[in-house]
């Protein structure tokens, strides 16, 4: 499950995984963010805030996650990974080759630093 908040004034989407990720989580994210992107052109930033990466509930969740990244990475200027998970270092390194957004990793307790960097 994912909770999220779209700050339409700043153009920043904050995503908080709260359990194993499911396909419908990414469908809900798309439904929330796609109209904003259509109107404004892109997001200033995406903040993913999770102490540890929870994984996916099922294979379909992973597939929808990858589709979300594929369909949206060009519409996001900056991506902040706010987590203590070691997977963030790998995601940051790999993301530079596959994702258009600038990516930066922040420790979990540094959400405000991530917000400052995004803006």
Protein backbone atom coordinates (compact mmCIF):
# COMPACT_ATOMS: atom_id res chain seq x y z
CA UNK A 1 0.00 0.00 0.00
CA UNK A 2 1.14 3.52 -0.81
CA UNK A 3 -0.01 6.81 0.62
CA UNK A 4 0.83 9.93 -1.33
CA UNK A 5 0.38 13.68 -1.40
CA UNK A 6 0.53 15.91 -4.45
CA UNK A 7 1.49 19.48 -3.58
CA UNK A 8 0.04 21.18 -6.64
CA UNK A 9 1.54 24.56 -5.80
CA UNK A 10 5.12 23.26 -5.54
CA UNK A 11 4.57 20.49 -8.10
CA UNK A 12 5.97 17.87 -5.73
CA UNK A 13 4.59 14.36 -5.27
CA UNK A 14 5.50 12.69 -1.97
CA UNK A 15 5.04 8.92 -1.88
CA UNK A 16 5.14 6.80 1.29
CA UNK A 17 5.06 3.03 0.86
CA UNK A 18 3.29 1.56 3.91
CA UNK A 19 3.51 -2.10 3.05
CA UNK A 20 4.11 -4.40 0.13
CA UNK A 21 3.51 -2.57 -3.14
CA UNK A 22 0.53 -3.61 -5.25
CA UNK A 23 -0.50 -2.96 -8.84
CA UNK A 24 -3.41 -0.74 -7.81
CA UNK A 25 -1.01 1.53 -5.88
CA UNK A 26 0.62 2.63 -9.13
CA UNK A 27 -2.69 2.91 -10.92
CA UNK A 28 -3.89 5.28 -8.18
CA UNK A 29 -0.67 7.31 -8.43
CA UNK A 30 -1.15 7.65 -12.18
CA UNK A 31 -4.77 8.74 -11.76
CA UNK A 32 -3.68 11.44 -9.30
CA UNK A 33 -0.61 12.74 -11.10
CA UNK A 34 -1.45 12.41 -14.81
CA UNK A 35 -4.00 15.28 -14.88
CA UNK A 36 -1.49 17.53 -13.10
CA UNK A 37 1.24 16.66 -15.61
CA UNK A 38 -1.15 17.25 -18.52
CA UNK A 39 -1.97 20.70 -17.16
CA UNK A 40 1.46 21.81 -15.88
CA UNK A 41 3.83 19.85 -18.10
CA UNK A 42 5.86 18.07 -15.41
CA UNK A 43 6.46 17.58 -11.72
CA UNK A 44 9.14 19.64 -10.00
CA UNK A 45 9.96 16.58 -7.97
CA UNK A 46 9.07 13.20 -6.56
CA UNK A 47 9.99 12.30 -2.98
CA UNK A 48 9.89 8.64 -2.04
CA UNK A 49 9.94 8.39 1.75
CA UNK A 50 10.32 4.97 3.35
CA UNK A 51 12.63 3.73 6.06
CA UNK A 52 13.09 0.42 4.25
CA UNK A 53 11.93 -0.70 0.83
CA UNK A 54 8.90 -2.96 1.45
CA UNK A 55 9.04 -4.97 -1.78
CA UNK A 56 6.05 -5.99 -3.89
CA UNK A 57 3.03 -8.02 -2.83
CA UNK A 58 2.90 -9.81 -6.16
CA UNK A 59 4.58 -9.85 -9.57
CA UNK A 60 1.86 -7.57 -10.98
CA UNK A 61 2.89 -4.92 -8.45
CA UNK A 62 6.44 -4.96 -9.73
CA UNK A 63 5.25 -4.77 -13.35
CA UNK A 64 3.00 -1.78 -12.63
CA UNK A 65 5.85 -0.11 -10.71
CA UNK A 66 8.15 -0.47 -13.73
CA UNK A 67 5.40 0.82 -16.05
CA UNK A 68 4.89 3.85 -13.80
CA UNK A 69 8.62 4.64 -13.94
CA UNK A 70 8.70 4.13 -17.72
CA UNK A 71 5.66 6.32 -18.32
CA UNK A 72 6.57 9.16 -15.94
CA UNK A 73 10.35 9.53 -15.62
CA UNK A 74 10.51 12.20 -18.33
CA UNK A 75 7.90 14.30 -16.51
CA UNK A 76 9.82 14.51 -13.21
CA UNK A 77 12.70 16.97 -12.82
CA UNK A 78 14.12 15.62 -9.53
CA UNK A 79 13.73 12.40 -7.55
CA UNK A 80 14.64 12.26 -3.86
CA UNK A 81 15.00 8.82 -2.27
CA UNK A 82 14.52 9.36 1.48
CA UNK A 83 15.37 6.02 3.00
CA UNK A 84 17.90 4.04 4.99
CA UNK A 85 17.46 1.08 2.64
CA UNK A 86 20.63 -0.04 0.87
CA UNK A 87 18.59 -0.48 -2.31
CA UNK A 88 18.54 3.32 -2.67
CA UNK A 89 22.25 3.40 -3.51
CA UNK A 90 21.68 0.83 -6.25
CA UNK A 91 18.58 2.67 -7.48
CA UNK A 92 20.48 5.95 -7.61
CA UNK A 93 23.37 4.43 -9.57
CA UNK A 94 21.13 2.53 -12.01
CA UNK A 95 18.61 5.33 -12.29
CA UNK A 96 21.20 7.68 -13.75
CA UNK A 97 21.27 5.43 -16.82
CA UNK A 98 17.52 4.86 -17.23
CA UNK A 99 15.72 7.82 -15.65
CA UNK A 100 15.79 11.39 -16.92
CA UNK A 101 15.27 12.97 -13.47
CA UNK A 102 18.16 14.06 -11.26
CA UNK A 103 18.29 11.51 -8.42
CA UNK A 104 19.63 12.01 -4.93
CA UNK A 105 19.59 9.73 -1.89
CA UNK A 106 18.91 11.14 1.60
CA UNK A 107 18.93 9.31 4.93
CA UNK A 108 15.42 8.60 6.25
CA UNK A 109 15.57 11.29 8.91
CA UNK A 110 16.47 14.01 6.38
CA UNK A 111 13.12 14.61 4.71
CA UNK A 112 13.47 18.38 5.05
CA UNK A 113 16.85 18.28 3.29
CA UNK A 114 15.20 16.38 0.45
CA UNK A 115 12.40 18.95 0.25
CA UNK A 116 14.96 21.77 0.10
CA UNK A 117 16.90 20.02 -2.65
CA UNK A 118 13.73 19.42 -4.69
CA UNK A 119 12.74 23.08 -4.55
